[in-house]
Amino acid sequence: MLWAGLEDFLMVCICKLAGFEKPLDERGYILLAHSTFPQRLDNFAALCELLKDKWPHLNSYKEVISKMKSAQKARNRFVHHGAVFNAETERLEMPVGSARGSIKTTVEAVSVEDVKYACVQIDEANRVLYKLVLRRKLLPPWQRRPP
């Protein structure tokens, strides 16, 4: 859910920077809906680079993109590998594999802290993107007041 919010908000930011009047203009949605996250980041970076002289607050966009890439990496670790409970060790484990050049496989232990850290990275990426484009600071969820 956190990730879907980040991807959707990135689309809103691209539409805003591209000059569409509505936060998620239908034309922008049509152009971006089937783009991959890296393609959206490329679009966002190009727009920031184009507009940073006009809107100097966009100058820090590279740091924001770096945080978004880190969040994507954390998210992909869990989405692409998944975790299973090992009854013998009573731990969550994640089989991880790669086949780039040669086959490499490992089984990594996964903790609740690992999942929390990934969620924090995603939330932080969302907040820095929000601050960059809308120039408003959002508090992390654990510092916000309940409704």
N, C-alpha and C. Protein backbone atom coordinates (compact mmCIF):
# COMPACT_ATOMS: atom_id res chain seq x y z
N MET A 1 0.82 -1.19 0.00
CA MET A 1 0.00 0.00 0.00
C MET A 1 0.87 1.26 0.00
N LEU A 2 1.92 1.27 0.81
CA LEU A 2 2.81 2.42 0.81
C LEU A 2 3.40 2.65 -0.57
N TRP A 3 3.79 1.53 -1.23
CA TRP A 3 4.43 1.67 -2.52
C TRP A 3 3.47 2.21 -3.56
N ALA A 4 2.23 1.70 -3.57
CA ALA A 4 1.25 2.20 -4.54
C ALA A 4 1.06 3.69 -4.35
N GLY A 5 1.07 4.15 -3.11
CA GLY A 5 0.93 5.58 -2.85
C GLY A 5 2.09 6.36 -3.43
N LEU A 6 3.31 5.83 -3.32
CA LEU A 6 4.48 6.51 -3.86
C LEU A 6 4.42 6.56 -5.38
N GLU A 7 4.07 5.46 -6.01
CA GLU A 7 3.98 5.44 -7.47
C GLU A 7 2.91 6.40 -7.97
N ASP A 8 1.76 6.40 -7.31
CA ASP A 8 0.68 7.30 -7.71
C ASP A 8 1.07 8.75 -7.50
N PHE A 9 1.72 9.04 -6.37
CA PHE A 9 2.10 10.41 -6.11
C PHE A 9 3.18 10.88 -7.09
N LEU A 10 4.06 9.98 -7.50
CA LEU A 10 5.05 10.34 -8.51
C LEU A 10 4.35 10.74 -9.81
N MET A 11 3.30 10.01 -10.17
CA MET A 11 2.54 10.39 -11.37
C MET A 11 1.93 11.77 -11.21
N VAL A 12 1.38 12.07 -10.04
CA VAL A 12 0.79 13.39 -9.78
C VAL A 12 1.87 14.47 -9.92
N CYS A 13 3.06 14.21 -9.38
CA CYS A 13 4.15 15.19 -9.46
C CYS A 13 4.58 15.42 -10.90
N ILE A 14 4.67 14.36 -11.67
CA ILE A 14 5.04 14.50 -13.08
C ILE A 14 4.00 15.34 -13.80
N CYS A 15 2.73 15.06 -13.56
CA CYS A 15 1.66 15.84 -14.20
C CYS A 15 1.74 17.31 -13.79
N LYS A 16 2.00 17.57 -12.52
CA LYS A 16 2.11 18.94 -12.03
C LYS A 16 3.27 19.66 -12.72
N LEU A 17 4.43 19.01 -12.75
CA LEU A 17 5.61 19.64 -13.37
C LEU A 17 5.44 19.78 -14.88
N ALA A 18 4.67 18.90 -15.50
CA ALA A 18 4.44 18.97 -16.94
C ALA A 18 3.43 20.05 -17.31
N GLY A 19 2.79 20.65 -16.30
CA GLY A 19 1.89 21.77 -16.57
C GLY A 19 0.43 21.41 -16.71
N PHE A 20 0.07 20.17 -16.41
CA PHE A 20 -1.34 19.82 -16.45
C PHE A 20 -2.06 20.53 -15.31
N GLU A 21 -3.30 20.95 -15.55
CA GLU A 21 -4.02 21.75 -14.56
C GLU A 21 -4.50 20.92 -13.37
N LYS A 22 -5.04 19.75 -13.61
CA LYS A 22 -5.53 18.90 -12.52
C LYS A 22 -4.38 18.07 -11.96
N PRO A 23 -4.46 17.73 -10.66
CA PRO A 23 -3.37 16.94 -10.07
C PRO A 23 -3.06 15.64 -10.82
N LEU A 24 -4.08 14.96 -11.26
CA LEU A 24 -3.86 13.77 -12.09
C LEU A 24 -4.74 13.90 -13.32
N ASP A 25 -4.29 14.73 -14.22
CA ASP A 25 -5.00 14.97 -15.47
C ASP A 25 -5.13 13.67 -16.24
N GLU A 26 -6.27 13.48 -16.88
CA GLU A 26 -6.50 12.25 -17.63
C GLU A 26 -5.44 12.03 -18.71
N ARG A 27 -4.98 13.12 -19.34
CA ARG A 27 -3.95 12.99 -20.38
C ARG A 27 -2.64 12.49 -19.78
N GLY A 28 -2.30 13.03 -18.62
CA GLY A 28 -1.10 12.58 -17.94
C GLY A 28 -1.21 11.12 -17.53
N TYR A 29 -2.39 10.77 -17.03
CA TYR A 29 -2.62 9.38 -16.62
C TYR A 29 -2.46 8.44 -17.81
N ILE A 30 -3.02 8.82 -18.94
CA ILE A 30 -2.90 7.99 -20.15
C ILE A 30 -1.43 7.79 -20.52
N LEU A 31 -0.64 8.85 -20.42
CA LEU A 31 0.77 8.77 -20.80
C LEU A 31 1.63 7.98 -19.80
N LEU A 32 1.21 7.96 -18.53
CA LEU A 32 2.06 7.39 -17.49
C LEU A 32 1.58 6.08 -16.90
N ALA A 33 0.32 5.75 -17.06
CA ALA A 33 -0.27 4.61 -16.35
C ALA A 33 0.49 3.31 -16.57
N HIS A 34 1.00 3.08 -17.75
CA HIS A 34 1.67 1.82 -18.04
C HIS A 34 3.18 1.94 -18.09
N SER A 35 3.70 3.06 -17.60
CA SER A 35 5.15 3.25 -17.52
C SER A 35 5.68 2.51 -16.30
N THR A 36 6.89 2.02 -16.42
CA THR A 36 7.53 1.39 -15.28
C THR A 36 8.00 2.48 -14.31
N PHE A 37 8.30 2.08 -13.10
CA PHE A 37 8.78 3.05 -12.12
C PHE A 37 10.07 3.72 -12.59
N PRO A 38 11.06 2.98 -13.12
CA PRO A 38 12.27 3.66 -13.62
C PRO A 38 11.97 4.65 -14.75
N GLN A 39 11.00 4.34 -15.61
CA GLN A 39 10.63 5.29 -16.66
C GLN A 39 10.02 6.55 -16.06
N ARG A 40 9.20 6.38 -15.04
CA ARG A 40 8.61 7.54 -14.37
C ARG A 40 9.68 8.38 -13.71
N LEU A 41 10.66 7.72 -13.08
CA LEU A 41 11.77 8.48 -12.48
C LEU A 41 12.55 9.26 -13.53
N ASP A 42 12.76 8.64 -14.69
CA ASP A 42 13.44 9.35 -15.78
C ASP A 42 12.64 10.57 -16.23
N ASN A 43 11.33 10.41 -16.37
CA ASN A 43 10.47 11.54 -16.76
C ASN A 43 10.56 12.65 -15.72
N PHE A 44 10.47 12.25 -14.45
CA PHE A 44 10.52 13.21 -13.36
C PHE A 44 11.86 13.96 -13.36
N ALA A 45 12.96 13.23 -13.50
CA ALA A 45 14.29 13.85 -13.52
C ALA A 45 14.42 14.83 -14.67
N ALA A 46 13.95 14.45 -15.85
CA ALA A 46 14.05 15.33 -17.01
C ALA A 46 13.24 16.62 -16.79
N LEU A 47 12.06 16.48 -16.21
CA LEU A 47 11.24 17.67 -15.94
C LEU A 47 11.91 18.57 -14.89
N CYS A 48 12.46 17.97 -13.84
CA CYS A 48 13.15 18.76 -12.81
C CYS A 48 14.35 19.49 -13.41
N GLU A 49 15.11 18.78 -14.22
CA GLU A 49 16.29 19.39 -14.85
C GLU A 49 15.86 20.55 -15.75
N LEU A 50 14.80 20.37 -16.49
CA LEU A 50 14.29 21.41 -17.38
C LEU A 50 13.80 22.64 -16.61
N LEU A 51 13.16 22.40 -15.46
CA LEU A 51 12.47 23.48 -14.74
C LEU A 51 13.25 24.08 -13.57
N LYS A 52 14.42 23.52 -13.22
CA LYS A 52 15.09 23.96 -12.00
C LYS A 52 15.56 25.41 -12.05
N ASP A 53 15.82 25.97 -13.22
CA ASP A 53 16.20 27.38 -13.30
C ASP A 53 15.00 28.28 -12.99
N LYS A 54 13.83 27.84 -13.41
CA LYS A 54 12.61 28.61 -13.15
C LYS A 54 12.15 28.41 -11.71
N TRP A 55 12.28 27.20 -11.18
CA TRP A 55 11.86 26.87 -9.82
C TRP A 55 13.06 26.27 -9.08
N PRO A 56 13.89 27.12 -8.47
CA PRO A 56 15.13 26.66 -7.83
C PRO A 56 14.94 25.60 -6.74
N HIS A 57 13.75 25.52 -6.15
CA HIS A 57 13.55 24.49 -5.12
C HIS A 57 13.68 23.08 -5.69
N LEU A 58 13.65 22.94 -7.00
CA LEU A 58 13.80 21.62 -7.64
C LEU A 58 15.26 21.19 -7.75
N ASN A 59 16.19 22.05 -7.37
CA ASN A 59 17.61 21.72 -7.49
C ASN A 59 18.02 20.46 -6.75
N SER A 60 17.31 20.11 -5.70
CA SER A 60 17.69 18.92 -4.92
C SER A 60 17.02 17.64 -5.42
N TYR A 61 16.54 17.66 -6.64
CA TYR A 61 15.80 16.50 -7.15
C TYR A 61 16.65 15.23 -7.22
N LYS A 62 17.96 15.35 -7.40
CA LYS A 62 18.80 14.15 -7.50
C LYS A 62 18.82 13.37 -6.19
N GLU A 63 18.83 14.09 -5.06
CA GLU A 63 18.79 13.41 -3.76
C GLU A 63 17.46 12.70 -3.57
N VAL A 64 16.38 13.33 -4.04
CA VAL A 64 15.05 12.73 -3.93
C VAL A 64 14.99 11.46 -4.78
N ILE A 65 15.52 11.53 -5.97
CA ILE A 65 15.53 10.35 -6.85
C ILE A 65 16.37 9.24 -6.22
N SER A 66 17.46 9.59 -5.59
CA SER A 66 18.29 8.58 -4.91
C SER A 66 17.50 7.87 -3.81
N LYS A 67 16.75 8.62 -3.02
CA LYS A 67 15.93 8.01 -1.97
C LYS A 67 14.84 7.14 -2.57
N MET A 68 14.28 7.57 -3.69
CA MET A 68 13.23 6.79 -4.33
C MET A 68 13.79 5.48 -4.89
N LYS A 69 15.01 5.52 -5.42
CA LYS A 69 15.63 4.30 -5.92
C LYS A 69 15.93 3.33 -4.77
N SER A 70 16.38 3.86 -3.64
CA SER A 70 16.63 3.01 -2.47
C SER A 70 15.34 2.36 -1.98
N ALA A 71 14.27 3.15 -1.98
CA ALA A 71 12.97 2.62 -1.57
C ALA A 71 12.51 1.53 -2.54
N GLN A 72 12.74 1.74 -3.82
CA GLN A 72 12.36 0.75 -4.81
C GLN A 72 13.14 -0.55 -4.61
N LYS A 73 14.42 -0.43 -4.30
CA LYS A 73 15.25 -1.62 -4.07
C LYS A 73 14.74 -2.39 -2.85
N ALA A 74 14.40 -1.67 -1.78
CA ALA A 74 13.88 -2.32 -0.57
C ALA A 74 12.55 -3.01 -0.87
N ARG A 75 11.72 -2.35 -1.60
CA ARG A 75 10.41 -2.91 -1.97
C ARG A 75 10.59 -4.16 -2.83
N ASN A 76 11.45 -4.06 -3.83
CA ASN A 76 11.65 -5.18 -4.75
C ASN A 76 12.19 -6.42 -4.06
N ARG A 77 12.99 -6.23 -3.03
CA ARG A 77 13.54 -7.37 -2.29
C ARG A 77 12.42 -8.27 -1.77
N PHE A 78 11.38 -7.66 -1.24
CA PHE A 78 10.28 -8.45 -0.68
C PHE A 78 9.28 -8.90 -1.74
N VAL A 79 9.02 -8.04 -2.70
CA VAL A 79 8.01 -8.37 -3.71
C VAL A 79 8.50 -9.48 -4.64
N HIS A 80 9.76 -9.43 -5.02
CA HIS A 80 10.26 -10.39 -6.00
C HIS A 80 10.72 -11.71 -5.40
N HIS A 81 10.99 -11.74 -4.10
CA HIS A 81 11.46 -12.97 -3.51
C HIS A 81 10.47 -13.60 -2.53
N GLY A 82 9.75 -12.79 -1.80
CA GLY A 82 8.80 -13.33 -0.83
C GLY A 82 9.50 -14.02 0.33
N ALA A 83 8.81 -14.15 1.41
CA ALA A 83 9.37 -14.80 2.60
C ALA A 83 8.48 -15.97 3.00
N VAL A 84 9.12 -17.00 3.52
CA VAL A 84 8.38 -18.19 3.98
C VAL A 84 8.82 -18.52 5.40
N PHE A 85 7.93 -19.13 6.15
CA PHE A 85 8.25 -19.51 7.51
C PHE A 85 8.90 -20.89 7.50
N ASN A 86 10.07 -20.98 8.11
CA ASN A 86 10.77 -22.25 8.23
C ASN A 86 10.44 -22.81 9.61
N ALA A 87 9.67 -23.89 9.65
CA ALA A 87 9.23 -24.47 10.92
C ALA A 87 10.40 -25.05 11.72
N GLU A 88 11.42 -25.51 11.02
CA GLU A 88 12.58 -26.09 11.72
C GLU A 88 13.36 -25.02 12.49
N THR A 89 13.57 -23.87 11.87
CA THR A 89 14.34 -22.80 12.53
C THR A 89 13.44 -21.79 13.22
N GLU A 90 12.14 -21.89 12.95
CA GLU A 90 11.14 -20.94 13.47
C GLU A 90 11.50 -19.50 13.11
N ARG A 91 11.93 -19.32 11.85
CA ARG A 91 12.28 -17.99 11.34
C ARG A 91 11.67 -17.79 9.97
N LEU A 92 11.51 -16.53 9.62
CA LEU A 92 11.13 -16.21 8.25
C LEU A 92 12.40 -16.24 7.42
N GLU A 93 12.30 -16.85 6.24
CA GLU A 93 13.45 -16.91 5.35
C GLU A 93 13.02 -16.52 3.95
N MET A 94 13.98 -15.97 3.22
CA MET A 94 13.70 -15.52 1.86
C MET A 94 14.71 -16.16 0.92
N PRO A 95 14.23 -17.04 0.01
CA PRO A 95 15.15 -17.56 -1.00
C PRO A 95 15.42 -16.46 -2.03
N VAL A 96 16.70 -16.18 -2.26
CA VAL A 96 17.09 -15.11 -3.17
C VAL A 96 17.97 -15.72 -4.25
N GLY A 97 17.68 -15.34 -5.49
CA GLY A 97 18.48 -15.87 -6.59
C GLY A 97 18.77 -14.82 -7.64
N SER A 98 19.84 -15.06 -8.37
CA SER A 98 20.24 -14.20 -9.47
C SER A 98 20.84 -15.09 -10.55
N ALA A 99 20.67 -14.69 -11.80
CA ALA A 99 21.25 -15.46 -12.90
C ALA A 99 21.96 -14.52 -13.87
N ARG A 100 22.61 -13.52 -13.35
CA ARG A 100 23.35 -12.58 -14.21
C ARG A 100 24.80 -13.02 -14.29
N GLY A 101 25.16 -13.62 -15.40
CA GLY A 101 26.51 -14.16 -15.57
C GLY A 101 26.65 -15.57 -15.06
N SER A 102 26.15 -15.81 -13.86
CA SER A 102 26.14 -17.17 -13.30
C SER A 102 24.97 -17.26 -12.32
N ILE A 103 24.62 -18.47 -11.96
CA ILE A 103 23.51 -18.66 -11.04
C ILE A 103 24.03 -18.52 -9.62
N LYS A 104 23.35 -17.69 -8.85
CA LYS A 104 23.69 -17.49 -7.44
C LYS A 104 22.41 -17.59 -6.64
N THR A 105 22.41 -18.45 -5.63
CA THR A 105 21.24 -18.58 -4.77
C THR A 105 21.67 -18.57 -3.31
N THR A 106 20.84 -17.97 -2.49
CA THR A 106 21.07 -17.96 -1.05
C THR A 106 19.70 -17.97 -0.37
N VAL A 107 19.72 -18.25 0.91
CA VAL A 107 18.52 -18.13 1.73
C VAL A 107 18.86 -17.16 2.85
N GLU A 108 18.12 -16.06 2.89
CA GLU A 108 18.39 -15.02 3.88
C GLU A 108 17.32 -15.04 4.96
N ALA A 109 17.76 -14.82 6.19
CA ALA A 109 16.80 -14.66 7.29
C ALA A 109 16.15 -13.29 7.16
N VAL A 110 14.86 -13.23 7.47
CA VAL A 110 14.12 -11.98 7.38
C VAL A 110 13.50 -11.70 8.75
N SER A 111 13.65 -10.47 9.20
CA SER A 111 13.07 -10.10 10.49
C SER A 111 11.97 -9.05 10.28
N VAL A 112 11.19 -8.88 11.30
CA VAL A 112 10.17 -7.84 11.27
C VAL A 112 10.83 -6.48 11.07
N GLU A 113 12.01 -6.30 11.66
CA GLU A 113 12.75 -5.04 11.52
C GLU A 113 13.12 -4.78 10.06
N ASP A 114 13.44 -5.85 9.30
CA ASP A 114 13.76 -5.69 7.88
C ASP A 114 12.55 -5.14 7.12
N VAL A 115 11.39 -5.68 7.42
CA VAL A 115 10.16 -5.23 6.75
C VAL A 115 9.85 -3.79 7.16
N LYS A 116 9.98 -3.50 8.45
CA LYS A 116 9.74 -2.13 8.93
C LYS A 116 10.69 -1.14 8.25
N TYR A 117 11.95 -1.52 8.13
CA TYR A 117 12.92 -0.63 7.51
C TYR A 117 12.55 -0.33 6.06
N ALA A 118 12.10 -1.34 5.33
CA ALA A 118 11.66 -1.12 3.95
C ALA A 118 10.48 -0.15 3.92
N CYS A 119 9.55 -0.32 4.85
CA CYS A 119 8.39 0.59 4.92
C CYS A 119 8.82 2.01 5.24
N VAL A 120 9.78 2.15 6.13
CA VAL A 120 10.29 3.48 6.49
C VAL A 120 10.96 4.13 5.28
N GLN A 121 11.72 3.36 4.52
CA GLN A 121 12.38 3.90 3.33
C GLN A 121 11.35 4.38 2.30
N ILE A 122 10.30 3.62 2.12
CA ILE A 122 9.25 4.00 1.18
C ILE A 122 8.55 5.26 1.65
N ASP A 123 8.23 5.32 2.95
CA ASP A 123 7.58 6.51 3.49
C ASP A 123 8.48 7.73 3.37
N GLU A 124 9.76 7.56 3.66
CA GLU A 124 10.69 8.69 3.56
C GLU A 124 10.78 9.20 2.12
N ALA A 125 10.83 8.29 1.17
CA ALA A 125 10.87 8.69 -0.24
C ALA A 125 9.62 9.49 -0.61
N ASN A 126 8.48 9.04 -0.11
CA ASN A 126 7.23 9.74 -0.37
C ASN A 126 7.27 11.15 0.21
N ARG A 127 7.79 11.28 1.43
CA ARG A 127 7.82 12.58 2.10
C ARG A 127 8.79 13.55 1.43
N VAL A 128 9.96 13.07 0.99
CA VAL A 128 10.90 13.98 0.34
C VAL A 128 10.41 14.40 -1.04
N LEU A 129 9.72 13.51 -1.72
CA LEU A 129 9.11 13.87 -3.00
C LEU A 129 8.04 14.94 -2.78
N TYR A 130 7.22 14.76 -1.77
CA TYR A 130 6.17 15.71 -1.42
C TYR A 130 6.78 17.08 -1.11
N LYS A 131 7.85 17.07 -0.32
CA LYS A 131 8.50 18.33 0.07
C LYS A 131 9.12 19.01 -1.14
N LEU A 132 9.75 18.25 -2.03
CA LEU A 132 10.40 18.83 -3.20
C LEU A 132 9.39 19.51 -4.12
N VAL A 133 8.33 18.81 -4.44
CA VAL A 133 7.40 19.33 -5.45
C VAL A 133 6.39 20.30 -4.85
N LEU A 134 5.82 19.96 -3.71
CA LEU A 134 4.78 20.80 -3.12
C LEU A 134 5.31 21.77 -2.06
N ARG A 135 6.58 21.64 -1.71
CA ARG A 135 7.24 22.51 -0.73
C ARG A 135 6.54 22.51 0.62
N ARG A 136 6.08 21.33 1.02
CA ARG A 136 5.46 21.15 2.33
C ARG A 136 6.09 19.94 3.00
N LYS A 137 6.34 20.10 4.28
CA LYS A 137 6.95 19.00 5.03
C LYS A 137 5.86 18.13 5.64
N LEU A 138 5.96 16.83 5.40
CA LEU A 138 5.07 15.86 6.02
C LEU A 138 5.83 15.17 7.14
N LEU A 139 5.18 14.97 8.26
CA LEU A 139 5.78 14.21 9.34
C LEU A 139 5.66 12.72 9.04
N PRO A 140 6.60 11.93 9.54
CA PRO A 140 6.44 10.48 9.37
C PRO A 140 5.21 10.01 10.13
N PRO A 141 4.62 8.90 9.73
CA PRO A 141 3.36 8.45 10.36
C PRO A 141 3.44 8.30 11.86
N TRP A 142 4.61 7.88 12.38
CA TRP A 142 4.72 7.66 13.81
C TRP A 142 4.79 8.98 14.59
N GLN A 143 4.90 10.13 13.90
CA GLN A 143 4.89 11.42 14.58
C GLN A 143 3.59 12.19 14.36
N ARG A 144 2.73 11.66 13.50
CA ARG A 144 1.45 12.33 13.23
C ARG A 144 0.44 12.03 14.33
N ARG A 145 -0.44 12.96 14.54
CA ARG A 145 -1.52 12.74 15.51
C ARG A 145 -2.58 11.85 14.90
N PRO A 146 -3.14 10.96 15.69
CA PRO A 146 -4.24 10.14 15.14
C PRO A 146 -5.45 11.03 14.85
N PRO A 147 -6.27 10.65 13.87
CA PRO A 147 -7.44 11.48 13.51
C PRO A 147 -8.45 11.58 14.62
